[in-house]
Amino acid sequence: MGIRLPSVLLNAKQILKVQAMSAKNHSDVPKGHIAVYVGEIQRKRFVVPISYLKHPSFQALLNRSEEEFGFCHPMGGLTIPCREDAFVNLTSRLHRS
């Protein structure tokens, strides 16, 4: 009997795998980080620590991203459909914790 991971973690692992494949084109992503594209219309690239993936509020963004894009992200990396200011607010809170 194997250990079952929550689907959010499995989805995050799948996204990281795709991101790692596309990260070869972006050498400015340090080890332990992930590049994400954020915005509802105009998208901006952010590099965040992968430790953020375990936080419930960030997982909610990943779920929203999966609902909208599945695993086909138009920017070639993980695309998160939320307002840039909301994302900056969230990552600032996560950085302080």
PDB file of N, CA and C in Angstrom:
ATOM      1  N   MET A   1       0.846  -1.166   0.000  1.00  0.00           N
ATOM      2  CA  MET A   1       0.000   0.000   0.000  1.00  0.00           C
ATOM      3  C   MET A   1       0.898   1.237   0.000  1.00  0.00           C
ATOM      4  N   GLY A   2       0.817   2.057  -1.049  1.00  0.00           N
ATOM      5  CA  GLY A   2       1.654   3.242  -1.170  1.00  0.00           C
ATOM      6  C   GLY A   2       1.039   4.458  -0.505  1.00  0.00           C
ATOM      7  N   ILE A   3       1.848   5.460  -0.362  1.00  0.00           N
ATOM      8  CA  ILE A   3       1.382   6.724   0.210  1.00  0.00           C
ATOM      9  C   ILE A   3       0.687   7.513  -0.876  1.00  0.00           C
ATOM     10  N   ARG A   4      -0.501   8.022  -0.575  1.00  0.00           N
ATOM     11  CA  ARG A   4      -1.235   8.844  -1.543  1.00  0.00           C
ATOM     12  C   ARG A   4      -1.006  10.309  -1.208  1.00  0.00           C
ATOM     13  N   LEU A   5      -0.566  11.061  -2.176  1.00  0.00           N
ATOM     14  CA  LEU A   5      -0.380  12.491  -2.005  1.00  0.00           C
ATOM     15  C   LEU A   5      -1.645  13.214  -2.410  1.00  0.00           C
ATOM     16  N   PRO A   6      -1.962  14.328  -1.743  1.00  0.00           N
ATOM     17  CA  PRO A   6      -3.125  15.108  -2.174  1.00  0.00           C
ATOM     18  C   PRO A   6      -2.954  15.528  -3.625  1.00  0.00           C
ATOM     19  N   SER A   7      -4.079  15.642  -4.338  1.00  0.00           N
ATOM     20  CA  SER A   7      -4.017  15.973  -5.762  1.00  0.00           C
ATOM     21  C   SER A   7      -3.337  17.307  -6.017  1.00  0.00           C
ATOM     22  N   VAL A   8      -3.444  18.254  -5.079  1.00  0.00           N
ATOM     23  CA  VAL A   8      -2.785  19.551  -5.261  1.00  0.00           C
ATOM     24  C   VAL A   8      -1.279  19.358  -5.340  1.00  0.00           C
ATOM     25  N   LEU A   9      -0.719  18.471  -4.494  1.00  0.00           N
ATOM     26  CA  LEU A   9       0.719  18.230  -4.533  1.00  0.00           C
ATOM     27  C   LEU A   9       1.115  17.520  -5.813  1.00  0.00           C
ATOM     28  N   LEU A  10       0.315  16.571  -6.257  1.00  0.00           N
ATOM     29  CA  LEU A  10       0.618  15.905  -7.513  1.00  0.00           C
ATOM     30  C   LEU A  10       0.584  16.898  -8.654  1.00  0.00           C
ATOM     31  N   ASN A  11      -0.414  17.763  -8.681  1.00  0.00           N
ATOM     32  CA  ASN A  11      -0.504  18.762  -9.738  1.00  0.00           C
ATOM     33  C   ASN A  11       0.697  19.698  -9.689  1.00  0.00           C
ATOM     34  N   ALA A  12       1.097  20.104  -8.483  1.00  0.00           N
ATOM     35  CA  ALA A  12       2.254  20.982  -8.345  1.00  0.00           C
ATOM     36  C   ALA A  12       3.501  20.291  -8.871  1.00  0.00           C
ATOM     37  N   LYS A  13       3.656  19.002  -8.601  1.00  0.00           N
ATOM     38  CA  LYS A  13       4.812  18.266  -9.103  1.00  0.00           C
ATOM     39  C   LYS A  13       4.797  18.197 -10.625  1.00  0.00           C
ATOM     40  N   GLN A  14       3.623  17.998 -11.209  1.00  0.00           N
ATOM     41  CA  GLN A  14       3.527  17.955 -12.665  1.00  0.00           C
ATOM     42  C   GLN A  14       3.882  19.320 -13.250  1.00  0.00           C
ATOM     43  N   ILE A  15       3.400  20.370 -12.622  1.00  0.00           N
ATOM     44  CA  ILE A  15       3.695  21.720 -13.094  1.00  0.00           C
ATOM     45  C   ILE A  15       5.185  22.000 -12.983  1.00  0.00           C
ATOM     46  N   LEU A  16       5.800  21.590 -11.862  1.00  0.00           N
ATOM     47  CA  LEU A  16       7.235  21.792 -11.689  1.00  0.00           C
ATOM     48  C   LEU A  16       8.037  21.041 -12.747  1.00  0.00           C
ATOM     49  N   LYS A  17       7.570  19.863 -13.114  1.00  0.00           N
ATOM     50  CA  LYS A  17       8.264  19.085 -14.136  1.00  0.00           C
ATOM     51  C   LYS A  17       8.244  19.830 -15.473  1.00  0.00           C
ATOM     52  N   VAL A  18       7.077  20.354 -15.838  1.00  0.00           N
ATOM     53  CA  VAL A  18       6.957  21.132 -17.073  1.00  0.00           C
ATOM     54  C   VAL A  18       7.809  22.392 -16.977  1.00  0.00           C
ATOM     55  N   GLN A  19       7.765  23.042 -15.801  1.00  0.00           N
ATOM     56  CA  GLN A  19       8.543  24.259 -15.592  1.00  0.00           C
ATOM     57  C   GLN A  19      10.035  23.965 -15.710  1.00  0.00           C
ATOM     58  N   ALA A  20      10.482  22.849 -15.163  1.00  0.00           N
ATOM     59  CA  ALA A  20      11.899  22.499 -15.225  1.00  0.00           C
ATOM     60  C   ALA A  20      12.347  22.308 -16.665  1.00  0.00           C
ATOM     61  N   MET A  21      11.484  21.722 -17.485  1.00  0.00           N
ATOM     62  CA  MET A  21      11.822  21.534 -18.886  1.00  0.00           C
ATOM     63  C   MET A  21      11.934  22.871 -19.609  1.00  0.00           C
ATOM     64  N   SER A  22      11.054  23.812 -19.290  1.00  0.00           N
ATOM     65  CA  SER A  22      11.125  25.108 -19.958  1.00  0.00           C
ATOM     66  C   SER A  22      12.142  26.029 -19.305  1.00  0.00           C
ATOM     67  N   ALA A  23      12.584  25.711 -18.091  1.00  0.00           N
ATOM     68  CA  ALA A  23      13.551  26.557 -17.384  1.00  0.00           C
ATOM     69  C   ALA A  23      14.918  26.521 -18.049  1.00  0.00           C
ATOM     70  N   LYS A  24      15.173  25.524 -18.882  1.00  0.00           N
ATOM     71  CA  LYS A  24      16.451  25.459 -19.575  1.00  0.00           C
ATOM     72  C   LYS A  24      16.657  26.702 -20.426  1.00  0.00           C
ATOM     73  N   ASN A  25      15.561  27.314 -20.865  1.00  0.00           N
ATOM     74  CA  ASN A  25      15.644  28.526 -21.669  1.00  0.00           C
ATOM     75  C   ASN A  25      15.866  29.769 -20.800  1.00  0.00           C
ATOM     76  N   HIS A  26      15.646  29.643 -19.494  1.00  0.00           N
ATOM     77  CA  HIS A  26      15.776  30.772 -18.579  1.00  0.00           C
ATOM     78  C   HIS A  26      16.781  30.422 -17.498  1.00  0.00           C
ATOM     79  N   SER A  27      18.024  30.760 -17.716  1.00  0.00           N
ATOM     80  CA  SER A  27      19.066  30.405 -16.763  1.00  0.00           C
ATOM     81  C   SER A  27      19.066  31.315 -15.538  1.00  0.00           C
ATOM     82  N   ASP A  28      18.177  32.310 -15.492  1.00  0.00           N
ATOM     83  CA  ASP A  28      18.165  33.226 -14.361  1.00  0.00           C
ATOM     84  C   ASP A  28      17.264  32.747 -13.221  1.00  0.00           C
ATOM     85  N   VAL A  29      16.778  31.507 -13.284  1.00  0.00           N
ATOM     86  CA  VAL A  29      15.963  30.960 -12.211  1.00  0.00           C
ATOM     87  C   VAL A  29      16.897  30.170 -11.306  1.00  0.00           C
ATOM     88  N   PRO A  30      17.154  30.694 -10.089  1.00  0.00           N
ATOM     89  CA  PRO A  30      18.075  29.986  -9.193  1.00  0.00           C
ATOM     90  C   PRO A  30      17.487  28.674  -8.693  1.00  0.00           C
ATOM     91  N   LYS A  31      18.366  27.798  -8.292  1.00  0.00           N
ATOM     92  CA  LYS A  31      17.939  26.513  -7.748  1.00  0.00           C
ATOM     93  C   LYS A  31      17.017  26.762  -6.556  1.00  0.00           C
ATOM     94  N   GLY A  32      15.933  25.984  -6.480  1.00  0.00           N
ATOM     95  CA  GLY A  32      14.984  26.131  -5.382  1.00  0.00           C
ATOM     96  C   GLY A  32      13.921  27.178  -5.646  1.00  0.00           C
ATOM     97  N   HIS A  33      13.860  27.692  -6.865  1.00  0.00           N
ATOM     98  CA  HIS A  33      12.886  28.704  -7.248  1.00  0.00           C
ATOM     99  C   HIS A  33      12.135  28.260  -8.494  1.00  0.00           C
ATOM    100  N   ILE A  34      11.058  28.950  -8.769  1.00  0.00           N
ATOM    101  CA  ILE A  34      10.250  28.667  -9.952  1.00  0.00           C
ATOM    102  C   ILE A  34       9.825  29.999 -10.569  1.00  0.00           C
ATOM    103  N   ALA A  35       9.819  30.039 -11.880  1.00  0.00           N
ATOM    104  CA  ALA A  35       9.345  31.225 -12.587  1.00  0.00           C
ATOM    105  C   ALA A  35       7.855  31.062 -12.851  1.00  0.00           C
ATOM    106  N   VAL A  36       7.098  32.111 -12.581  1.00  0.00           N
ATOM    107  CA  VAL A  36       5.660  32.110 -12.855  1.00  0.00           C
ATOM    108  C   VAL A  36       5.312  33.386 -13.607  1.00  0.00           C
ATOM    109  N   TYR A  37       4.277  33.294 -14.413  1.00  0.00           N
ATOM    110  CA  TYR A  37       3.771  34.451 -15.132  1.00  0.00           C
ATOM    111  C   TYR A  37       2.434  34.812 -14.522  1.00  0.00           C
ATOM    112  N   VAL A  38       2.296  36.075 -14.128  1.00  0.00           N
ATOM    113  CA  VAL A  38       1.134  36.514 -13.367  1.00  0.00           C
ATOM    114  C   VAL A  38       0.460  37.677 -14.080  1.00  0.00           C
ATOM    115  N   GLY A  39      -0.858  37.643 -14.082  1.00  0.00           N
ATOM    116  CA  GLY A  39      -1.636  38.736 -14.634  1.00  0.00           C
ATOM    117  C   GLY A  39      -2.875  38.210 -15.314  1.00  0.00           C
ATOM    118  N   GLU A  40      -3.884  39.048 -15.374  1.00  0.00           N
ATOM    119  CA  GLU A  40      -5.128  38.644 -16.022  1.00  0.00           C
ATOM    120  C   GLU A  40      -5.081  38.918 -17.522  1.00  0.00           C
ATOM    121  N   ILE A  41      -4.454  40.018 -17.922  1.00  0.00           N
ATOM    122  CA  ILE A  41      -4.346  40.353 -19.348  1.00  0.00           C
ATOM    123  C   ILE A  41      -2.865  40.432 -19.724  1.00  0.00           C
ATOM    124  N   GLN A  42      -2.179  41.409 -19.176  1.00  0.00           N
ATOM    125  CA  GLN A  42      -0.746  41.571 -19.382  1.00  0.00           C
ATOM    126  C   GLN A  42      -0.040  40.730 -18.326  1.00  0.00           C
ATOM    127  N   ARG A  43       0.871  39.838 -18.730  1.00  0.00           N
ATOM    128  CA  ARG A  43       1.513  38.944 -17.771  1.00  0.00           C
ATOM    129  C   ARG A  43       2.948  39.364 -17.505  1.00  0.00           C
ATOM    130  N   LYS A  44       3.310  39.302 -16.229  1.00  0.00           N
ATOM    131  CA  LYS A  44       4.654  39.661 -15.795  1.00  0.00           C
ATOM    132  C   LYS A  44       5.296  38.425 -15.170  1.00  0.00           C
ATOM    133  N   ARG A  45       6.582  38.268 -15.403  1.00  0.00           N
ATOM    134  CA  ARG A  45       7.311  37.099 -14.897  1.00  0.00           C
ATOM    135  C   ARG A  45       7.867  37.384 -13.507  1.00  0.00           C
ATOM    136  N   PHE A  46       7.633  36.443 -12.585  1.00  0.00           N
ATOM    137  CA  PHE A  46       8.159  36.506 -11.229  1.00  0.00           C
ATOM    138  C   PHE A  46       8.918  35.225 -10.950  1.00  0.00           C
ATOM    139  N   VAL A  47       9.939  35.302 -10.125  1.00  0.00           N
ATOM    140  CA  VAL A  47      10.675  34.127  -9.673  1.00  0.00           C
ATOM    141  C   VAL A  47      10.446  34.024  -8.172  1.00  0.00           C
ATOM    142  N   VAL A  48       9.853  32.892  -7.747  1.00  0.00           N
ATOM    143  CA  VAL A  48       9.502  32.712  -6.337  1.00  0.00           C
ATOM    144  C   VAL A  48      10.093  31.404  -5.823  1.00  0.00           C
ATOM    145  N   PRO A  49      10.335  31.319  -4.516  1.00  0.00           N
ATOM    146  CA  PRO A  49      10.836  30.063  -3.940  1.00  0.00           C
ATOM    147  C   PRO A  49       9.806  28.948  -4.072  1.00  0.00           C
ATOM    148  N   ILE A  50      10.253  27.733  -4.333  1.00  0.00           N
ATOM    149  CA  ILE A  50       9.318  26.617  -4.449  1.00  0.00           C
ATOM    150  C   ILE A  50       8.651  26.297  -3.115  1.00  0.00           C
ATOM    151  N   SER A  51       9.214  26.786  -2.027  1.00  0.00           N
ATOM    152  CA  SER A  51       8.585  26.558  -0.716  1.00  0.00           C
ATOM    153  C   SER A  51       7.195  27.188  -0.651  1.00  0.00           C
ATOM    154  N   TYR A  52       6.922  28.184  -1.492  1.00  0.00           N
ATOM    155  CA  TYR A  52       5.598  28.811  -1.522  1.00  0.00           C
ATOM    156  C   TYR A  52       4.515  27.815  -1.954  1.00  0.00           C
ATOM    157  N   LEU A  53       4.902  26.784  -2.688  1.00  0.00           N
ATOM    158  CA  LEU A  53       3.931  25.823  -3.204  1.00  0.00           C
ATOM    159  C   LEU A  53       3.189  25.075  -2.106  1.00  0.00           C
ATOM    160  N   LYS A  54       3.754  25.013  -0.919  1.00  0.00           N
ATOM    161  CA  LYS A  54       3.099  24.265   0.160  1.00  0.00           C
ATOM    162  C   LYS A  54       2.073  25.094   0.922  1.00  0.00           C
ATOM    163  N   HIS A  55       2.041  26.385   0.718  1.00  0.00           N
ATOM    164  CA  HIS A  55       1.103  27.260   1.428  1.00  0.00           C
ATOM    165  C   HIS A  55      -0.282  27.173   0.793  1.00  0.00           C
ATOM    166  N   PRO A  56      -1.324  27.035   1.626  1.00  0.00           N
ATOM    167  CA  PRO A  56      -2.692  26.905   1.101  1.00  0.00           C
ATOM    168  C   PRO A  56      -3.115  28.051   0.191  1.00  0.00           C
ATOM    169  N   SER A  57      -2.706  29.264   0.497  1.00  0.00           N
ATOM    170  CA  SER A  57      -3.107  30.389  -0.351  1.00  0.00           C
ATOM    171  C   SER A  57      -2.454  30.306  -1.730  1.00  0.00           C
ATOM    172  N   PHE A  58      -1.224  29.817  -1.805  1.00  0.00           N
ATOM    173  CA  PHE A  58      -0.565  29.657  -3.101  1.00  0.00           C
ATOM    174  C   PHE A  58      -1.166  28.465  -3.836  1.00  0.00           C
ATOM    175  N   GLN A  59      -1.529  27.416  -3.103  1.00  0.00           N
ATOM    176  CA  GLN A  59      -2.166  26.260  -3.717  1.00  0.00           C
ATOM    177  C   GLN A  59      -3.506  26.645  -4.338  1.00  0.00           C
ATOM    178  N   ALA A  60      -4.203  27.604  -3.719  1.00  0.00           N
ATOM    179  CA  ALA A  60      -5.459  28.087  -4.303  1.00  0.00           C
ATOM    180  C   ALA A  60      -5.193  28.724  -5.670  1.00  0.00           C
ATOM    181  N   LEU A  61      -4.083  29.455  -5.790  1.00  0.00           N
ATOM    182  CA  LEU A  61      -3.722  30.031  -7.088  1.00  0.00           C
ATOM    183  C   LEU A  61      -3.385  28.935  -8.094  1.00  0.00           C
ATOM    184  N   LEU A  62      -2.702  27.887  -7.632  1.00  0.00           N
ATOM    185  CA  LEU A  62      -2.380  26.774  -8.531  1.00  0.00           C
ATOM    186  C   LEU A  62      -3.646  26.083  -9.019  1.00  0.00           C
ATOM    187  N   ASN A  63      -4.626  25.924  -8.129  1.00  0.00           N
ATOM    188  CA  ASN A  63      -5.896  25.315  -8.537  1.00  0.00           C
ATOM    189  C   ASN A  63      -6.603  26.183  -9.565  1.00  0.00           C
ATOM    190  N   ARG A  64      -6.576  27.481  -9.346  1.00  0.00           N
ATOM    191  CA  ARG A  64      -7.200  28.413 -10.294  1.00  0.00           C
ATOM    192  C   ARG A  64      -6.493  28.341 -11.651  1.00  0.00           C
ATOM    193  N   SER A  65      -5.174  28.234 -11.601  1.00  0.00           N
ATOM    194  CA  SER A  65      -4.396  28.119 -12.827  1.00  0.00           C
ATOM    195  C   SER A  65      -4.733  26.832 -13.569  1.00  0.00           C
ATOM    196  N   GLU A  66      -4.871  25.732 -12.816  1.00  0.00           N
ATOM    197  CA  GLU A  66      -5.213  24.455 -13.442  1.00  0.00           C
ATOM    198  C   GLU A  66      -6.602  24.509 -14.080  1.00  0.00           C
ATOM    199  N   GLU A  67      -7.540  25.161 -13.400  1.00  0.00           N
ATOM    200  CA  GLU A  67      -8.894  25.270 -13.943  1.00  0.00           C
ATOM    201  C   GLU A  67      -8.902  26.040 -15.258  1.00  0.00           C
ATOM    202  N   GLU A  68      -8.101  27.086 -15.318  1.00  0.00           N
ATOM    203  CA  GLU A  68      -8.114  27.930 -16.513  1.00  0.00           C
ATOM    204  C   GLU A  68      -7.251  27.370 -17.644  1.00  0.00           C
ATOM    205  N   PHE A  69      -6.063  26.861 -17.315  1.00  0.00           N
ATOM    206  CA  PHE A  69      -5.111  26.468 -18.353  1.00  0.00           C
ATOM    207  C   PHE A  69      -4.855  24.966 -18.433  1.00  0.00           C
ATOM    208  N   GLY A  70      -5.264  24.194 -17.440  1.00  0.00           N
ATOM    209  CA  GLY A  70      -4.876  22.789 -17.407  1.00  0.00           C
ATOM    210  C   GLY A  70      -3.370  22.725 -17.245  1.00  0.00           C
ATOM    211  N   PHE A  71      -2.721  21.919 -18.040  1.00  0.00           N
ATOM    212  CA  PHE A  71      -1.268  21.851 -17.984  1.00  0.00           C
ATOM    213  C   PHE A  71      -0.629  22.416 -19.246  1.00  0.00           C
ATOM    214  N   CYS A  72      -1.393  23.155 -20.030  1.00  0.00           N
ATOM    215  CA  CYS A  72      -0.895  23.834 -21.224  1.00  0.00           C
ATOM    216  C   CYS A  72      -0.855  25.328 -20.926  1.00  0.00           C
ATOM    217  N   HIS A  73       0.297  25.813 -20.538  1.00  0.00           N
ATOM    218  CA  HIS A  73       0.426  27.216 -20.171  1.00  0.00           C
ATOM    219  C   HIS A  73       0.955  28.011 -21.356  1.00  0.00           C
ATOM    220  N   PRO A  74       0.233  29.048 -21.760  1.00  0.00           N
ATOM    221  CA  PRO A  74       0.555  29.774 -22.986  1.00  0.00           C
ATOM    222  C   PRO A  74       1.902  30.495 -22.966  1.00  0.00           C
ATOM    223  N   MET A  75       2.421  30.805 -21.793  1.00  0.00           N
ATOM    224  CA  MET A  75       3.677  31.539 -21.710  1.00  0.00           C
ATOM    225  C   MET A  75       4.886  30.601 -21.724  1.00  0.00           C
ATOM    226  N   GLY A  76       4.664  29.295 -21.727  1.00  0.00           N
ATOM    227  CA  GLY A  76       5.767  28.351 -21.702  1.00  0.00           C
ATOM    228  C   GLY A  76       6.196  28.005 -20.294  1.00  0.00           C
ATOM    229  N   GLY A  77       5.605  28.634 -19.317  1.00  0.00           N
ATOM    230  CA  GLY A  77       5.873  28.366 -17.911  1.00  0.00           C
ATOM    231  C   GLY A  77       4.565  28.459 -17.156  1.00  0.00           C
ATOM    232  N   LEU A  78       4.621  28.282 -15.893  1.00  0.00           N
ATOM    233  CA  LEU A  78       3.420  28.321 -15.061  1.00  0.00           C
ATOM    234  C   LEU A  78       2.784  29.708 -15.130  1.00  0.00           C
ATOM    235  N   THR A  79       1.533  29.754 -15.570  1.00  0.00           N
ATOM    236  CA  THR A  79       0.800  31.005 -15.695  1.00  0.00           C
ATOM    237  C   THR A  79      -0.293  31.046 -14.637  1.00  0.00           C
ATOM    238  N   ILE A  80      -0.316  32.113 -13.853  1.00  0.00           N
ATOM    239  CA  ILE A  80      -1.302  32.255 -12.783  1.00  0.00           C
ATOM    240  C   ILE A  80      -2.227  33.421 -13.127  1.00  0.00           C
ATOM    241  N   PRO A  81      -3.513  33.116 -13.315  1.00  0.00           N
ATOM    242  CA  PRO A  81      -4.462  34.160 -13.720  1.00  0.00           C
ATOM    243  C   PRO A  81      -5.019  34.932 -12.525  1.00  0.00           C
ATOM    244  N   CYS A  82      -4.246  35.870 -12.023  1.00  0.00           N
ATOM    245  CA  CYS A  82      -4.741  36.746 -10.960  1.00  0.00           C
ATOM    246  C   CYS A  82      -4.111  38.119 -11.155  1.00  0.00           C
ATOM    247  N   ARG A  83      -4.656  39.100 -10.461  1.00  0.00           N
ATOM    248  CA  ARG A  83      -4.102  40.453 -10.578  1.00  0.00           C
ATOM    249  C   ARG A  83      -2.678  40.479 -10.020  1.00  0.00           C
ATOM    250  N   GLU A  84      -1.824  41.227 -10.664  1.00  0.00           N
ATOM    251  CA  GLU A  84      -0.433  41.315 -10.248  1.00  0.00           C
ATOM    252  C   GLU A  84      -0.313  41.834  -8.821  1.00  0.00           C
ATOM    253  N   ASP A  85      -1.101  42.840  -8.452  1.00  0.00           N
ATOM    254  CA  ASP A  85      -1.004  43.395  -7.101  1.00  0.00           C
ATOM    255  C   ASP A  85      -1.430  42.379  -6.036  1.00  0.00           C
ATOM    256  N   ALA A  86      -2.404  41.527  -6.355  1.00  0.00           N
ATOM    257  CA  ALA A  86      -2.826  40.480  -5.418  1.00  0.00           C
ATOM    258  C   ALA A  86      -1.710  39.451  -5.238  1.00  0.00           C
ATOM    259  N   PHE A  87      -1.023  39.118  -6.328  1.00  0.00           N
ATOM    260  CA  PHE A  87       0.082  38.162  -6.256  1.00  0.00           C
ATOM    261  C   PHE A  87       1.237  38.734  -5.443  1.00  0.00           C
ATOM    262  N   VAL A  88       1.567  39.991  -5.673  1.00  0.00           N
ATOM    263  CA  VAL A  88       2.651  40.636  -4.926  1.00  0.00           C
ATOM    264  C   VAL A  88       2.295  40.691  -3.441  1.00  0.00           C
ATOM    265  N   ASN A  89       1.044  41.004  -3.136  1.00  0.00           N
ATOM    266  CA  ASN A  89       0.597  41.030  -1.748  1.00  0.00           C
ATOM    267  C   ASN A  89       0.763  39.651  -1.102  1.00  0.00           C
ATOM    268  N   LEU A  90       0.314  38.604  -1.793  1.00  0.00           N
ATOM    269  CA  LEU A  90       0.424  37.243  -1.273  1.00  0.00           C
ATOM    270  C   LEU A  90       1.877  36.838  -1.052  1.00  0.00           C
ATOM    271  N   THR A  91       2.721  37.041  -2.053  1.00  0.00           N
ATOM    272  CA  THR A  91       4.118  36.628  -1.917  1.00  0.00           C
ATOM    273  C   THR A  91       4.851  37.446  -0.862  1.00  0.00           C
ATOM    274  N   SER A  92       4.443  38.690  -0.653  1.00  0.00           N
ATOM    275  CA  SER A  92       5.042  39.492   0.421  1.00  0.00           C
ATOM    276  C   SER A  92       4.702  38.902   1.782  1.00  0.00           C
ATOM    277  N   ARG A  93       3.427  38.488   1.937  1.00  0.00           N
ATOM    278  CA  ARG A  93       3.014  37.866   3.196  1.00  0.00           C
ATOM    279  C   ARG A  93       3.761  36.545   3.412  1.00  0.00           C
ATOM    280  N   LEU A  94       3.900  35.751   2.363  1.00  0.00           N
ATOM    281  CA  LEU A  94       4.602  34.478   2.484  1.00  0.00           C
ATOM    282  C   LEU A  94       6.067  34.690   2.812  1.00  0.00           C
ATOM    283  N   HIS A  95       6.674  35.723   2.254  1.00  0.00           N
ATOM    284  CA  HIS A  95       8.088  36.021   2.512  1.00  0.00           C
ATOM    285  C   HIS A  95       8.301  36.395   3.980  1.00  0.00           C
ATOM    286  N   ARG A  96       7.340  37.109   4.557  1.00  0.00           N
ATOM    287  CA  ARG A  96       7.470  37.534   5.962  1.00  0.00           C
ATOM    288  C   ARG A  96       7.225  36.400   6.943  1.00  0.00           C
ATOM    289  N   SER A  97       6.508  35.344   6.490  1.00  0.00           N
ATOM    290  CA  SER A  97       6.196  34.263   7.434  1.00  0.00           C
ATOM    291  C   SER A  97       7.295  33.237   7.545  1.00  0.00           C
TER     292      SER A  97
END
